[in-house]
PDB file of N, CA and C in Angstrom:
ATOM      1  N   MET A   1      -7.604 -13.910   2.775  1.00  0.00           N
ATOM      2  CA  MET A   1      -7.096 -13.380   1.862  1.00  0.00           C
ATOM      3  C   MET A   1      -6.159 -11.887   1.543  1.00  0.00           C
ATOM      4  N   THR A   2      -6.009 -12.040   0.196  1.00  0.00           N
ATOM      5  CA  THR A   2      -4.730 -10.977  -0.564  1.00  0.00           C
ATOM      6  C   THR A   2      -5.456 -10.161  -1.136  1.00  0.00           C
ATOM      7  N   TYR A   3      -5.364  -8.844  -1.175  1.00  0.00           N
ATOM      8  CA  TYR A   3      -5.883  -7.895  -1.669  1.00  0.00           C
ATOM      9  C   TYR A   3      -4.784  -7.349  -3.156  1.00  0.00           C
ATOM     10  N   ARG A   4      -4.746  -7.573  -4.151  1.00  0.00           N
ATOM     11  CA  ARG A   4      -3.812  -6.684  -5.333  1.00  0.00           C
ATOM     12  C   ARG A   4      -4.386  -5.402  -5.627  1.00  0.00           C
ATOM     13  N   LEU A   5      -3.965  -4.399  -5.655  1.00  0.00           N
ATOM     14  CA  LEU A   5      -3.906  -3.430  -5.795  1.00  0.00           C
ATOM     15  C   LEU A   5      -2.568  -3.167  -6.589  1.00  0.00           C
ATOM     16  N   ASP A   6      -2.545  -2.387  -7.574  1.00  0.00           N
ATOM     17  CA  ASP A   6      -1.395  -2.054  -8.879  1.00  0.00           C
ATOM     18  C   ASP A   6      -1.820  -0.617  -8.869  1.00  0.00           C
ATOM     19  N   THR A   7      -0.699  -0.253  -8.533  1.00  0.00           N
ATOM     20  CA  THR A   7      -0.312   1.462  -9.595  1.00  0.00           C
ATOM     21  C   THR A   7       0.939   1.881  -9.664  1.00  0.00           C
ATOM     22  N   LYS A   8       1.222   1.348 -10.550  1.00  0.00           N
ATOM     23  CA  LYS A   8       1.848   1.457 -11.054  1.00  0.00           C
ATOM     24  C   LYS A   8       1.425   2.323 -12.712  1.00  0.00           C
ATOM     25  N   GLY A   9       2.832   3.519 -12.859  1.00  0.00           N
ATOM     26  CA  GLY A   9       2.271   4.121 -13.234  1.00  0.00           C
ATOM     27  C   GLY A   9       1.561   5.749 -13.059  1.00  0.00           C
ATOM     28  N   LEU A  10       1.614   5.193 -11.672  1.00  0.00           N
ATOM     29  CA  LEU A  10       0.705   6.611 -11.228  1.00  0.00           C
ATOM     30  C   LEU A  10       1.436   7.463 -10.318  1.00  0.00           C
ATOM     31  N   SER A  11       1.946   8.426  -9.916  1.00  0.00           N
ATOM     32  CA  SER A  11       3.072   9.795  -9.732  1.00  0.00           C
ATOM     33  C   SER A  11       1.240  10.346  -8.615  1.00  0.00           C
ATOM     34  N   CYS A  12       2.630  10.332  -7.150  1.00  0.00           N
ATOM     35  CA  CYS A  12       1.929  11.485  -5.701  1.00  0.00           C
ATOM     36  C   CYS A  12       0.995  12.555  -6.634  1.00  0.00           C
ATOM     37  N   PRO A  13       0.190  12.276  -5.343  1.00  0.00           N
ATOM     38  CA  PRO A  13      -0.230  11.773  -4.518  1.00  0.00           C
ATOM     39  C   PRO A  13      -1.390  10.444  -4.730  1.00  0.00           C
ATOM     40  N   LEU A  14      -1.405  10.295  -6.557  1.00  0.00           N
ATOM     41  CA  LEU A  14      -2.477   9.561  -6.700  1.00  0.00           C
ATOM     42  C   LEU A  14      -2.451   7.941  -6.230  1.00  0.00           C
ATOM     43  N   PRO A  15      -1.529   7.354  -5.825  1.00  0.00           N
ATOM     44  CA  PRO A  15      -1.319   5.997  -5.311  1.00  0.00           C
ATOM     45  C   PRO A  15      -0.917   5.986  -3.480  1.00  0.00           C
ATOM     46  N   PHE A  16      -1.147   7.030  -3.196  1.00  0.00           N
ATOM     47  CA  PHE A  16      -1.397   6.451  -1.565  1.00  0.00           C
ATOM     48  C   PHE A  16      -3.255   6.756  -1.441  1.00  0.00           C
ATOM     49  N   PHE A  17      -4.070   7.781  -2.122  1.00  0.00           N
ATOM     50  CA  PHE A  17      -5.620   7.633  -2.816  1.00  0.00           C
ATOM     51  C   PHE A  17      -6.263   6.511  -2.726  1.00  0.00           C
ATOM     52  N   ARG A  18      -5.064   5.749  -3.929  1.00  0.00           N
ATOM     53  CA  ARG A  18      -6.035   4.423  -4.193  1.00  0.00           C
ATOM     54  C   ARG A  18      -5.426   4.031  -2.766  1.00  0.00           C
ATOM     55  N   VAL A  19      -4.766   3.548  -2.142  1.00  0.00           N
ATOM     56  CA  VAL A  19      -4.230   2.807  -0.938  1.00  0.00           C
ATOM     57  C   VAL A  19      -5.355   2.742   0.358  1.00  0.00           C
ATOM     58  N   LYS A  20      -5.294   4.350   0.225  1.00  0.00           N
ATOM     59  CA  LYS A  20      -6.679   5.065   0.905  1.00  0.00           C
ATOM     60  C   LYS A  20      -8.367   4.022   0.954  1.00  0.00           C
ATOM     61  N   LYS A  21      -8.517   3.630  -0.002  1.00  0.00           N
ATOM     62  CA  LYS A  21      -9.349   3.609  -0.985  1.00  0.00           C
ATOM     63  C   LYS A  21      -9.618   2.982  -0.526  1.00  0.00           C
ATOM     64  N   VAL A  22      -8.986   1.711  -1.005  1.00  0.00           N
ATOM     65  CA  VAL A  22      -9.170   0.631  -0.535  1.00  0.00           C
ATOM     66  C   VAL A  22      -9.214  -0.674   1.015  1.00  0.00           C
ATOM     67  N   LEU A  23      -8.324   0.519   1.697  1.00  0.00           N
ATOM     68  CA  LEU A  23      -7.634   0.037   2.729  1.00  0.00           C
ATOM     69  C   LEU A  23      -9.713   0.445   3.882  1.00  0.00           C
ATOM     70  N   GLY A  24     -10.085   1.552   2.938  1.00  0.00           N
ATOM     71  CA  GLY A  24     -11.475   2.076   3.535  1.00  0.00           C
ATOM     72  C   GLY A  24     -12.531   0.752   3.484  1.00  0.00           C
ATOM     73  N   GLU A  25     -12.609  -0.163   2.125  1.00  0.00           N
ATOM     74  CA  GLU A  25     -13.550  -1.105   2.201  1.00  0.00           C
ATOM     75  C   GLU A  25     -13.142  -2.108   2.372  1.00  0.00           C
ATOM     76  N   ILE A  26     -11.913  -3.128   2.814  1.00  0.00           N
ATOM     77  CA  ILE A  26     -11.863  -5.070   2.433  1.00  0.00           C
ATOM     78  C   ILE A  26     -12.009  -4.257   4.695  1.00  0.00           C
ATOM     79  N   ALA A  27     -12.124  -5.585   4.649  1.00  0.00           N
ATOM     80  CA  ALA A  27     -12.450  -5.611   6.291  1.00  0.00           C
ATOM     81  C   ALA A  27     -10.467  -6.132   7.736  1.00  0.00           C
ATOM     82  N   PRO A  28     -10.818  -5.401   8.583  1.00  0.00           N
ATOM     83  CA  PRO A  28     -10.055  -5.245   9.237  1.00  0.00           C
ATOM     84  C   PRO A  28      -9.401  -6.812   9.311  1.00  0.00           C
ATOM     85  N   GLY A  29      -8.247  -7.441   9.049  1.00  0.00           N
ATOM     86  CA  GLY A  29      -6.620  -7.586   9.258  1.00  0.00           C
ATOM     87  C   GLY A  29      -6.704  -8.688   8.068  1.00  0.00           C
ATOM     88  N   THR A  30      -7.460  -8.480   6.711  1.00  0.00           N
ATOM     89  CA  THR A  30      -7.180  -8.345   4.589  1.00  0.00           C
ATOM     90  C   THR A  30      -5.824  -7.935   4.779  1.00  0.00           C
ATOM     91  N   LEU A  31      -5.224  -8.503   4.146  1.00  0.00           N
ATOM     92  CA  LEU A  31      -3.610  -8.423   3.546  1.00  0.00           C
ATOM     93  C   LEU A  31      -3.965  -7.696   1.882  1.00  0.00           C
ATOM     94  N   LEU A  32      -2.855  -6.107   2.025  1.00  0.00           N
ATOM     95  CA  LEU A  32      -2.996  -5.653   0.766  1.00  0.00           C
ATOM     96  C   LEU A  32      -1.425  -5.618   0.614  1.00  0.00           C
ATOM     97  N   GLU A  33      -1.673  -5.837  -1.407  1.00  0.00           N
ATOM     98  CA  GLU A  33      -0.426  -6.168  -1.965  1.00  0.00           C
ATOM     99  C   GLU A  33      -0.091  -4.332  -2.606  1.00  0.00           C
ATOM    100  N   ILE A  34       1.220  -3.811  -2.752  1.00  0.00           N
ATOM    101  CA  ILE A  34       0.760  -2.961  -3.499  1.00  0.00           C
ATOM    102  C   ILE A  34       2.170  -3.277  -4.142  1.00  0.00           C
ATOM    103  N   GLU A  35       2.261  -2.573  -6.001  1.00  0.00           N
ATOM    104  CA  GLU A  35       3.065  -2.475  -6.433  1.00  0.00           C
ATOM    105  C   GLU A  35       2.963  -1.190  -6.523  1.00  0.00           C
ATOM    106  N   ALA A  36       4.426  -0.846  -7.206  1.00  0.00           N
ATOM    107  CA  ALA A  36       3.629   0.913  -7.245  1.00  0.00           C
ATOM    108  C   ALA A  36       5.320   2.132  -7.492  1.00  0.00           C
ATOM    109  N   THR A  37       5.143   2.588  -8.615  1.00  0.00           N
ATOM    110  CA  THR A  37       6.152   2.603  -9.895  1.00  0.00           C
ATOM    111  C   THR A  37       6.787   4.433  -9.006  1.00  0.00           C
ATOM    112  N   ASP A  38       6.156   4.557  -8.331  1.00  0.00           N
ATOM    113  CA  ASP A  38       6.559   6.530  -7.484  1.00  0.00           C
ATOM    114  C   ASP A  38       7.129   6.290  -6.858  1.00  0.00           C
ATOM    115  N   PRO A  39       8.613   6.599  -6.210  1.00  0.00           N
ATOM    116  CA  PRO A  39       9.688   6.472  -5.475  1.00  0.00           C
ATOM    117  C   PRO A  39       9.264   6.544  -4.170  1.00  0.00           C
ATOM    118  N   GLN A  40       7.475   8.181  -4.121  1.00  0.00           N
ATOM    119  CA  GLN A  40       6.912   7.923  -3.127  1.00  0.00           C
ATOM    120  C   GLN A  40       6.273   7.548  -1.737  1.00  0.00           C
ATOM    121  N   ALA A  41       6.146   6.998  -3.384  1.00  0.00           N
ATOM    122  CA  ALA A  41       4.924   5.458  -2.126  1.00  0.00           C
ATOM    123  C   ALA A  41       5.490   5.016  -1.506  1.00  0.00           C
ATOM    124  N   PRO A  42       5.851   4.058  -1.112  1.00  0.00           N
ATOM    125  CA  PRO A  42       6.916   3.492   0.347  1.00  0.00           C
ATOM    126  C   PRO A  42       6.673   4.553   0.816  1.00  0.00           C
ATOM    127  N   VAL A  43       7.176   6.003   1.031  1.00  0.00           N
ATOM    128  CA  VAL A  43       7.781   6.798   2.401  1.00  0.00           C
ATOM    129  C   VAL A  43       5.581   6.730   2.931  1.00  0.00           C
ATOM    130  N   GLU A  44       5.057   7.277   1.251  1.00  0.00           N
ATOM    131  CA  GLU A  44       3.630   7.728   1.970  1.00  0.00           C
ATOM    132  C   GLU A  44       2.521   5.919   2.767  1.00  0.00           C
ATOM    133  N   ILE A  45       2.983   5.526   1.992  1.00  0.00           N
ATOM    134  CA  ILE A  45       2.058   3.730   2.388  1.00  0.00           C
ATOM    135  C   ILE A  45       2.158   3.602   4.627  1.00  0.00           C
ATOM    136  N   ARG A  46       4.182   3.638   4.505  1.00  0.00           N
ATOM    137  CA  ARG A  46       4.230   3.058   5.369  1.00  0.00           C
ATOM    138  C   ARG A  46       4.063   4.823   6.417  1.00  0.00           C
ATOM    139  N   ASN A  47       3.785   4.851   6.179  1.00  0.00           N
ATOM    140  CA  ASN A  47       3.468   6.752   7.433  1.00  0.00           C
ATOM    141  C   ASN A  47       1.726   6.285   7.070  1.00  0.00           C
ATOM    142  N   LEU A  48       0.829   5.677   6.620  1.00  0.00           N
ATOM    143  CA  LEU A  48      -0.503   5.884   6.571  1.00  0.00           C
ATOM    144  C   LEU A  48      -0.075   4.750   7.892  1.00  0.00           C
ATOM    145  N   CYS A  49       0.239   3.436   7.303  1.00  0.00           N
ATOM    146  CA  CYS A  49       0.156   2.825   7.726  1.00  0.00           C
ATOM    147  C   CYS A  49       0.440   2.886   9.172  1.00  0.00           C
ATOM    148  N   ILE A  50       1.923   3.768   9.682  1.00  0.00           N
ATOM    149  CA  ILE A  50       1.782   4.111  11.075  1.00  0.00           C
ATOM    150  C   ILE A  50       0.551   4.848  11.613  1.00  0.00           C
ATOM    151  N   MET A  51       0.193   6.261  10.862  1.00  0.00           N
ATOM    152  CA  MET A  51      -1.127   6.869  11.517  1.00  0.00           C
ATOM    153  C   MET A  51      -2.627   5.676  11.640  1.00  0.00           C
ATOM    154  N   GLU A  52      -2.915   5.210  11.107  1.00  0.00           N
ATOM    155  CA  GLU A  52      -3.756   4.638  10.347  1.00  0.00           C
ATOM    156  C   GLU A  52      -3.957   3.542  11.263  1.00  0.00           C
ATOM    157  N   GLY A  53      -2.632   2.706  11.882  1.00  0.00           N
ATOM    158  CA  GLY A  53      -3.342   1.254  12.734  1.00  0.00           C
ATOM    159  C   GLY A  53      -3.414   0.480  11.498  1.00  0.00           C
ATOM    160  N   HIS A  54      -2.410   0.349  10.144  1.00  0.00           N
ATOM    161  CA  HIS A  54      -2.154  -1.508   9.502  1.00  0.00           C
ATOM    162  C   HIS A  54      -0.566  -1.502  10.055  1.00  0.00           C
ATOM    163  N   GLU A  55      -0.586  -2.979  10.414  1.00  0.00           N
ATOM    164  CA  GLU A  55       0.530  -3.502   9.780  1.00  0.00           C
ATOM    165  C   GLU A  55       1.275  -3.432   9.122  1.00  0.00           C
ATOM    166  N   LEU A  56       2.309  -3.055   8.564  1.00  0.00           N
ATOM    167  CA  LEU A  56       3.745  -3.306   6.967  1.00  0.00           C
ATOM    168  C   LEU A  56       4.271  -4.788   7.665  1.00  0.00           C
ATOM    169  N   LEU A  57       4.477  -5.258   6.448  1.00  0.00           N
ATOM    170  CA  LEU A  57       4.468  -6.519   7.031  1.00  0.00           C
ATOM    171  C   LEU A  57       6.892  -6.377   5.321  1.00  0.00           C
ATOM    172  N   ALA A  58       6.072  -6.386   4.937  1.00  0.00           N
ATOM    173  CA  ALA A  58       6.920  -6.838   3.818  1.00  0.00           C
ATOM    174  C   ALA A  58       6.852  -5.034   2.946  1.00  0.00           C
ATOM    175  N   ASP A  59       8.629  -4.380   2.831  1.00  0.00           N
ATOM    176  CA  ASP A  59       8.656  -3.198   1.672  1.00  0.00           C
ATOM    177  C   ASP A  59       9.479  -3.667   0.848  1.00  0.00           C
ATOM    178  N   GLU A  60       9.407  -3.651   0.049  1.00  0.00           N
ATOM    179  CA  GLU A  60      10.734  -4.320  -1.149  1.00  0.00           C
ATOM    180  C   GLU A  60      11.132  -4.310  -2.549  1.00  0.00           C
ATOM    181  N   THR A  61      12.245  -3.206  -3.017  1.00  0.00           N
ATOM    182  CA  THR A  61      12.171  -2.341  -4.279  1.00  0.00           C
ATOM    183  C   THR A  61      12.193  -4.329  -5.508  1.00  0.00           C
ATOM    184  N   ILE A  62      11.815  -3.551  -6.392  1.00  0.00           N
ATOM    185  CA  ILE A  62      11.578  -5.431  -7.151  1.00  0.00           C
ATOM    186  C   ILE A  62      12.006  -4.394  -8.913  1.00  0.00           C
ATOM    187  N   ALA A  63      12.267  -5.140  -9.294  1.00  0.00           N
ATOM    188  CA  ALA A  63      12.467  -4.406 -11.103  1.00  0.00           C
ATOM    189  C   ALA A  63      12.228  -3.289 -11.232  1.00  0.00           C
ATOM    190  N   ASP A  64      10.937  -3.391 -10.820  1.00  0.00           N
ATOM    191  CA  ASP A  64      10.178  -2.381 -12.073  1.00  0.00           C
ATOM    192  C   ASP A  64       9.340  -1.450 -11.188  1.00  0.00           C
ATOM    193  N   GLY A  65       9.787  -1.435  -9.762  1.00  0.00           N
ATOM    194  CA  GLY A  65       9.321  -0.788  -8.123  1.00  0.00           C
ATOM    195  C   GLY A  65       9.928  -1.630  -7.516  1.00  0.00           C
ATOM    196  N   PHE A  66       8.310  -0.396  -6.574  1.00  0.00           N
ATOM    197  CA  PHE A  66       7.813  -1.328  -5.675  1.00  0.00           C
ATOM    198  C   PHE A  66       7.192  -2.214  -5.270  1.00  0.00           C
ATOM    199  N   ARG A  67       6.902  -3.209  -4.061  1.00  0.00           N
ATOM    200  CA  ARG A  67       6.279  -4.232  -4.004  1.00  0.00           C
ATOM    201  C   ARG A  67       6.620  -3.697  -1.266  1.00  0.00           C
ATOM    202  N   LEU A  68       5.059  -3.557  -1.730  1.00  0.00           N
ATOM    203  CA  LEU A  68       4.596  -3.312   0.066  1.00  0.00           C
ATOM    204  C   LEU A  68       3.784  -4.587   0.247  1.00  0.00           C
ATOM    205  N   LEU A  69       3.050  -4.685   1.069  1.00  0.00           N
ATOM    206  CA  LEU A  69       2.676  -6.189   1.751  1.00  0.00           C
ATOM    207  C   LEU A  69       2.347  -5.681   3.063  1.00  0.00           C
ATOM    208  N   LEU A  70       0.909  -4.866   3.613  1.00  0.00           N
ATOM    209  CA  LEU A  70       0.494  -4.229   5.078  1.00  0.00           C
ATOM    210  C   LEU A  70      -0.532  -5.487   5.107  1.00  0.00           C
ATOM    211  N   LYS A  71      -0.896  -5.440   6.167  1.00  0.00           N
ATOM    212  CA  LYS A  71      -2.490  -6.044   7.070  1.00  0.00           C
ATOM    213  C   LYS A  71      -3.368  -5.438   7.222  1.00  0.00           C
ATOM    214  N   ARG A  72      -4.200  -4.818   7.176  1.00  0.00           N
ATOM    215  CA  ARG A  72      -5.141  -3.624   7.298  1.00  0.00           C
ATOM    216  C   ARG A  72      -5.351  -4.198   8.716  1.00  0.00           C
ATOM    217  N   GLY A  73      -5.124  -3.054  10.033  1.00  0.00           N
ATOM    218  CA  GLY A  73      -5.603  -3.116  10.759  1.00  0.00           C
ATOM    219  C   GLY A  73      -7.305  -2.574  11.606  1.00  0.00           C
ATOM    220  N   ALA A  74      -7.206  -2.454  12.314  1.00  0.00           N
ATOM    221  CA  ALA A  74      -8.549  -2.360  13.131  1.00  0.00           C
ATOM    222  C   ALA A  74      -9.767  -0.842  12.881  1.00  0.00           C
TER     223      ALA A  74
END
């Protein structure tokens, strides 16, 4: 199952906190697709993955911002 989170239009640090909240609510192994417009969001989410043991599967620039796909760790 893939959970989708739209943080477009939110400024730092709100995308980070929204992602962190969702990661606390979904089961390990669940995929989370995030869309964001804040230029700091990809950096913050990458760092969150490193710190908390989640796997960043994709990080791409799209027409209206960024799309990241991660897999929740244990």
